[in-house]
Every structure is written in C-alpha cells, then in structure tokens.
Amino acid sequence: MTHTFLLILYLGQKIISQDMHFYNVDNCRYYAERLNNQPPVPNRVDGDDEPKTLKYTAVCEPRKVDPKRVSVYK
C-alpha cells in the first residue's frame, strides 16, 4: 500500500470521475486547477429550480492504494 492523491471531479454536485491517482500532490493540483478553470456547461435537466449551467469542481484527496491494483500517474 502506498499513499497517493486522488483527483475527484464534480459537475455541479455530482461526482463524474474518481479514478485518477497521482503520486505527487503537485501533479494532482495542476490538473485540478486546469479543470476548475473550465467554463460552465449547460445543464441538460429541465426545471425551474435547476441552474442553467453547471461548473466543474476538481479536488485532490489523499488515499492509500495498492499500486499493483490501481493505476497511479507520476
């Protein structure tokens, strides 16, 4: 088992990706920052209470994984 940093990507409040692991927090934060700077995307859900656009939010979270079972980016 080794410590990694998991990049979690949200669209609005829904998790859309949580399968990218990095050995280095700086690499994880680089991609998180790039994703956070993306423009909002149109919301496909119709409803008066729903926002017209959704924003990407990416965060890095420490995790302990087995590198033999999980791909980890350098």
C-alpha atoms as a PDB file:
ATOM      1  CA  MET A   1       0.000   0.000   0.000  1.00  0.00           C
ATOM      2  CA  THR A   2       1.201   3.475  -0.819  1.00  0.00           C
ATOM      3  CA  HIS A   3      -0.108   6.979  -0.333  1.00  0.00           C
ATOM      4  CA  THR A   4      -1.465   8.712  -3.429  1.00  0.00           C
ATOM      5  CA  PHE A   5      -3.610  11.723  -4.261  1.00  0.00           C
ATOM      6  CA  LEU A   6      -6.975  11.038  -5.858  1.00  0.00           C
ATOM      7  CA  LEU A   7      -8.382  13.598  -8.292  1.00  0.00           C
ATOM      8  CA  ILE A   8     -12.148  13.801  -7.791  1.00  0.00           C
ATOM      9  CA  LEU A   9     -14.133  15.664 -10.447  1.00  0.00           C
ATOM     10  CA  TYR A  10     -17.627  17.021  -9.805  1.00  0.00           C
ATOM     11  CA  LEU A  11     -20.103  18.504 -12.264  1.00  0.00           C
ATOM     12  CA  GLY A  12     -22.352  20.570 -10.067  1.00  0.00           C
ATOM     13  CA  GLN A  13     -22.809  18.330  -7.020  1.00  0.00           C
ATOM     14  CA  LYS A  14     -22.485  15.001  -8.853  1.00  0.00           C
ATOM     15  CA  ILE A  15     -19.179  13.078  -8.901  1.00  0.00           C
ATOM     16  CA  ILE A  16     -18.337  12.249 -12.503  1.00  0.00           C
ATOM     17  CA  SER A  17     -14.800  10.894 -12.073  1.00  0.00           C
ATOM     18  CA  GLN A  18     -12.737   9.472  -9.245  1.00  0.00           C
ATOM     19  CA  ASP A  19     -10.259   7.130 -10.876  1.00  0.00           C
ATOM     20  CA  MET A  20      -7.118   9.237 -11.401  1.00  0.00           C
ATOM     21  CA  HIS A  21      -4.431   8.690  -8.762  1.00  0.00           C
ATOM     22  CA  PHE A  22      -1.155  10.625  -8.597  1.00  0.00           C
ATOM     23  CA  TYR A  23       1.992  10.005  -6.569  1.00  0.00           C
ATOM     24  CA  ASN A  24       2.691  13.736  -6.358  1.00  0.00           C
ATOM     25  CA  VAL A  25       0.207  16.275  -4.946  1.00  0.00           C
ATOM     26  CA  ASP A  26       1.587  18.987  -7.236  1.00  0.00           C
ATOM     27  CA  ASN A  27       0.657  16.959 -10.331  1.00  0.00           C
ATOM     28  CA  CYS A  28      -2.815  16.334  -8.931  1.00  0.00           C
ATOM     29  CA  ARG A  29      -3.297  20.014  -8.115  1.00  0.00           C
ATOM     30  CA  TYR A  30      -2.113  21.009 -11.609  1.00  0.00           C
ATOM     31  CA  TYR A  31      -4.914  19.004 -13.240  1.00  0.00           C
ATOM     32  CA  ALA A  32      -7.439  20.092 -10.612  1.00  0.00           C
ATOM     33  CA  GLU A  33      -6.641  23.743 -11.310  1.00  0.00           C
ATOM     34  CA  ARG A  34      -6.955  23.245 -15.066  1.00  0.00           C
ATOM     35  CA  LEU A  35     -10.338  21.564 -14.645  1.00  0.00           C
ATOM     36  CA  ASN A  36     -11.574  24.206 -12.207  1.00  0.00           C
ATOM     37  CA  ASN A  37     -10.817  26.899 -14.817  1.00  0.00           C
ATOM     38  CA  GLN A  38     -13.103  25.298 -17.428  1.00  0.00           C
ATOM     39  CA  PRO A  39     -16.170  27.335 -18.405  1.00  0.00           C
ATOM     40  CA  PRO A  40     -19.555  26.204 -17.068  1.00  0.00           C
ATOM     41  CA  VAL A  41     -21.508  23.765 -19.220  1.00  0.00           C
ATOM     42  CA  PRO A  42     -25.250  23.895 -19.983  1.00  0.00           C
ATOM     43  CA  ASN A  43     -27.468  21.941 -17.613  1.00  0.00           C
ATOM     44  CA  ARG A  44     -29.494  19.333 -19.519  1.00  0.00           C
ATOM     45  CA  VAL A  45     -32.045  18.894 -16.724  1.00  0.00           C
ATOM     46  CA  ASP A  46     -35.214  20.901 -17.292  1.00  0.00           C
ATOM     47  CA  GLY A  47     -36.722  22.567 -14.293  1.00  0.00           C
ATOM     48  CA  ASP A  48     -37.324  25.998 -12.862  1.00  0.00           C
ATOM     49  CA  ASP A  49     -35.306  25.209  -9.735  1.00  0.00           C
ATOM     50  CA  GLU A  50     -32.278  23.914 -11.656  1.00  0.00           C
ATOM     51  CA  PRO A  51     -29.360  26.216 -12.580  1.00  0.00           C
ATOM     52  CA  LYS A  52     -28.914  26.951 -16.301  1.00  0.00           C
ATOM     53  CA  THR A  53     -25.221  25.988 -16.191  1.00  0.00           C
ATOM     54  CA  LEU A  54     -23.072  23.656 -14.093  1.00  0.00           C
ATOM     55  CA  LYS A  55     -19.462  24.214 -13.063  1.00  0.00           C
ATOM     56  CA  TYR A  56     -16.693  21.656 -12.890  1.00  0.00           C
ATOM     57  CA  THR A  57     -15.062  21.337  -9.478  1.00  0.00           C
ATOM     58  CA  ALA A  58     -11.926  19.228  -9.023  1.00  0.00           C
ATOM     59  CA  VAL A  59     -10.280  18.389  -5.687  1.00  0.00           C
ATOM     60  CA  CYS A  60      -7.317  16.268  -4.621  1.00  0.00           C
ATOM     61  CA  GLU A  61      -7.766  13.890  -1.730  1.00  0.00           C
ATOM     62  CA  PRO A  62      -5.128  11.689  -0.098  1.00  0.00           C
ATOM     63  CA  ARG A  63      -5.761   7.969  -0.410  1.00  0.00           C
ATOM     64  CA  LYS A  64      -3.901   4.777   0.384  1.00  0.00           C
ATOM     65  CA  VAL A  65      -3.958   2.300  -2.517  1.00  0.00           C
ATOM     66  CA  ASP A  66      -2.234  -0.804  -3.800  1.00  0.00           C
ATOM     67  CA  PRO A  67      -0.279   0.291  -6.930  1.00  0.00           C
ATOM     68  CA  LYS A  68      -0.464  -3.298  -8.230  1.00  0.00           C
ATOM     69  CA  ARG A  69      -4.263  -2.977  -8.459  1.00  0.00           C
ATOM     70  CA  VAL A  70      -4.683   0.744  -9.237  1.00  0.00           C
ATOM     71  CA  SER A  71      -3.017   2.778 -11.980  1.00  0.00           C
ATOM     72  CA  VAL A  72      -1.075   5.668 -10.479  1.00  0.00           C
ATOM     73  CA  TYR A  73       0.226   8.548 -12.595  1.00  0.00           C
ATOM     74  CA  LYS A  74       3.631  10.052 -11.938  1.00  0.00           C
END
